[in-house]
C-alpha atoms as a PDB file:
ATOM      1  CA  UNK A   1     100.549 116.941  92.074  1.00  0.00           C
ATOM      2  CA  UNK A   2     102.179 113.749  93.747  1.00  0.00           C
ATOM      3  CA  UNK A   3     105.259 112.827  94.690  1.00  0.00           C
ATOM      4  CA  UNK A   4     107.327 110.006  92.068  1.00  0.00           C
ATOM      5  CA  UNK A   5     108.264 107.893  95.710  1.00  0.00           C
ATOM      6  CA  UNK A   6     105.266 105.286  96.465  1.00  0.00           C
ATOM      7  CA  UNK A   7     105.816 102.383  99.091  1.00  0.00           C
ATOM      8  CA  UNK A   8     104.700  98.365  98.321  1.00  0.00           C
ATOM      9  CA  UNK A   9     102.319  99.015 101.312  1.00  0.00           C
ATOM     10  CA  UNK A  10     100.594 102.437  99.949  1.00  0.00           C
ATOM     11  CA  UNK A  11     100.212 101.028  96.979  1.00  0.00           C
ATOM     12  CA  UNK A  12      98.370  98.118  98.708  1.00  0.00           C
ATOM     13  CA  UNK A  13      96.582 100.041 101.092  1.00  0.00           C
ATOM     14  CA  UNK A  14      95.306 102.731  98.318  1.00  0.00           C
ATOM     15  CA  UNK A  15      93.623  99.138  96.315  1.00  0.00           C
ATOM     16  CA  UNK A  16      92.063  98.732  99.505  1.00  0.00           C
ATOM     17  CA  UNK A  17      90.376 101.990 100.206  1.00  0.00           C
ATOM     18  CA  UNK A  18      89.528 102.056  96.361  1.00  0.00           C
ATOM     19  CA  UNK A  19      88.410  98.364  96.509  1.00  0.00           C
ATOM     20  CA  UNK A  20      89.395  97.048  93.719  1.00  0.00           C
ATOM     21  CA  UNK A  21      92.148  94.575  92.692  1.00  0.00           C
ATOM     22  CA  UNK A  22      95.749  94.353  91.399  1.00  0.00           C
ATOM     23  CA  UNK A  23      93.522  94.252  87.703  1.00  0.00           C
ATOM     24  CA  UNK A  24      91.593  96.746  87.943  1.00  0.00           C
ATOM     25  CA  UNK A  25      94.256  98.949  88.972  1.00  0.00           C
ATOM     26  CA  UNK A  26      96.536  97.479  85.945  1.00  0.00           C
ATOM     27  CA  UNK A  27      93.987  98.828  83.947  1.00  0.00           C
ATOM     28  CA  UNK A  28      93.300 102.396  85.338  1.00  0.00           C
ATOM     29  CA  UNK A  29      96.746 102.615  84.793  1.00  0.00           C
ATOM     30  CA  UNK A  30      97.469 101.452  81.872  1.00  0.00           C
ATOM     31  CA  UNK A  31     100.271  99.289  82.822  1.00  0.00           C
ATOM     32  CA  UNK A  32     100.468  95.774  82.874  1.00  0.00           C
ATOM     33  CA  UNK A  33      98.896  93.217  86.077  1.00  0.00           C
ATOM     34  CA  UNK A  34     102.627  92.002  86.480  1.00  0.00           C
ATOM     35  CA  UNK A  35     103.999  95.916  86.759  1.00  0.00           C
ATOM     36  CA  UNK A  36     101.902  95.798  89.644  1.00  0.00           C
ATOM     37  CA  UNK A  37     102.215  92.536  90.982  1.00  0.00           C
ATOM     38  CA  UNK A  38     105.749  93.709  90.890  1.00  0.00           C
ATOM     39  CA  UNK A  39     105.697  97.077  92.492  1.00  0.00           C
ATOM     40  CA  UNK A  40     103.612  95.516  95.304  1.00  0.00           C
ATOM     41  CA  UNK A  41     106.160  92.983  95.950  1.00  0.00           C
ATOM     42  CA  UNK A  42     108.861  95.205  96.791  1.00  0.00           C
ATOM     43  CA  UNK A  43     110.622  95.539  99.990  1.00  0.00           C
ATOM     44  CA  UNK A  44     109.901  99.452 101.268  1.00  0.00           C
ATOM     45  CA  UNK A  45     110.096 101.929  98.184  1.00  0.00           C
ATOM     46  CA  UNK A  46     108.239 100.414  95.137  1.00  0.00           C
ATOM     47  CA  UNK A  47     111.145  99.404  92.457  1.00  0.00           C
ATOM     48  CA  UNK A  48     109.809 100.599  88.642  1.00  0.00           C
ATOM     49  CA  UNK A  49     110.199 102.074  85.634  1.00  0.00           C
ATOM     50  CA  UNK A  50     109.773 106.082  86.161  1.00  0.00           C
ATOM     51  CA  UNK A  51     107.153 105.715  83.812  1.00  0.00           C
ATOM     52  CA  UNK A  52     105.077 103.011  84.927  1.00  0.00           C
ATOM     53  CA  UNK A  53     105.425 104.496  88.519  1.00  0.00           C
ATOM     54  CA  UNK A  54     103.875 108.174  87.842  1.00  0.00           C
ATOM     55  CA  UNK A  55     100.960 106.337  85.099  1.00  0.00           C
ATOM     56  CA  UNK A  56     100.265 104.195  88.509  1.00  0.00           C
ATOM     57  CA  UNK A  57     100.223 107.336  90.907  1.00  0.00           C
ATOM     58  CA  UNK A  58      97.937 109.539  87.932  1.00  0.00           C
ATOM     59  CA  UNK A  59      95.352 106.662  87.820  1.00  0.00           C
ATOM     60  CA  UNK A  60      95.574 106.590  92.434  1.00  0.00           C
ATOM     61  CA  UNK A  61      95.059 110.215  91.545  1.00  0.00           C
ATOM     62  CA  UNK A  62      91.676 109.636  89.495  1.00  0.00           C
ATOM     63  CA  UNK A  63      90.353 107.368  90.864  1.00  0.00           C
ATOM     64  CA  UNK A  64      90.390 109.322  94.655  1.00  0.00           C
ATOM     65  CA  UNK A  65      93.401 108.224  96.764  1.00  0.00           C
ATOM     66  CA  UNK A  66      95.694 111.333  97.497  1.00  0.00           C
ATOM     67  CA  UNK A  67      99.472 109.404  98.035  1.00  0.00           C
ATOM     68  CA  UNK A  68     101.080 111.538 100.943  1.00  0.00           C
ATOM     69  CA  UNK A  69     104.972 110.717 101.837  1.00  0.00           C
ATOM     70  CA  UNK A  70     106.770 112.061 104.816  1.00  0.00           C
ATOM     71  CA  UNK A  71     106.702 115.336 106.071  1.00  0.00           C
ATOM     72  CA  UNK A  72     104.239 116.486 102.971  1.00  0.00           C
ATOM     73  CA  UNK A  73     101.232 117.371 104.442  1.00  0.00           C
ATOM     74  CA  UNK A  74      97.862 116.409 102.967  1.00  0.00           C
ATOM     75  CA  UNK A  75      96.311 118.540 100.125  1.00  0.00           C
ATOM     76  CA  UNK A  76      92.683 116.773  99.975  1.00  0.00           C
ATOM     77  CA  UNK A  77      89.670 116.416 102.268  1.00  0.00           C
ATOM     78  CA  UNK A  78      87.841 114.224 103.308  1.00  0.00           C
ATOM     79  CA  UNK A  79      88.724 110.948 104.832  1.00  0.00           C
ATOM     80  CA  UNK A  80      92.131 108.965 105.118  1.00  0.00           C
ATOM     81  CA  UNK A  81      94.631 107.153 106.821  1.00  0.00           C
ATOM     82  CA  UNK A  82      98.162 108.146 107.634  1.00  0.00           C
ATOM     83  CA  UNK A  83     100.911 105.973 109.477  1.00  0.00           C
ATOM     84  CA  UNK A  84     102.421 108.126 112.367  1.00  0.00           C
ATOM     85  CA  UNK A  85     106.125 108.276 113.131  1.00  0.00           C
ATOM     86  CA  UNK A  86     106.566 106.382 116.499  1.00  0.00           C
END
């Protein structure tokens, strides 16, 4: 369904696409607001407890965002954005 790696930039972008703030995502994922804040403050790959990370990824999936890793094809349909390897 989704990979276990997530960057802080992906997390911020996902929230922006959904139009939710950190508190909304924390509530949807069943994690604390400081957990989301720490995840977004990470440099590059999000550092978090595996359980918390999986809850956030599941919440994003449920809310309608597909998190795509490098070299991973998109399985979803619809609009989206992806960074190019330049």
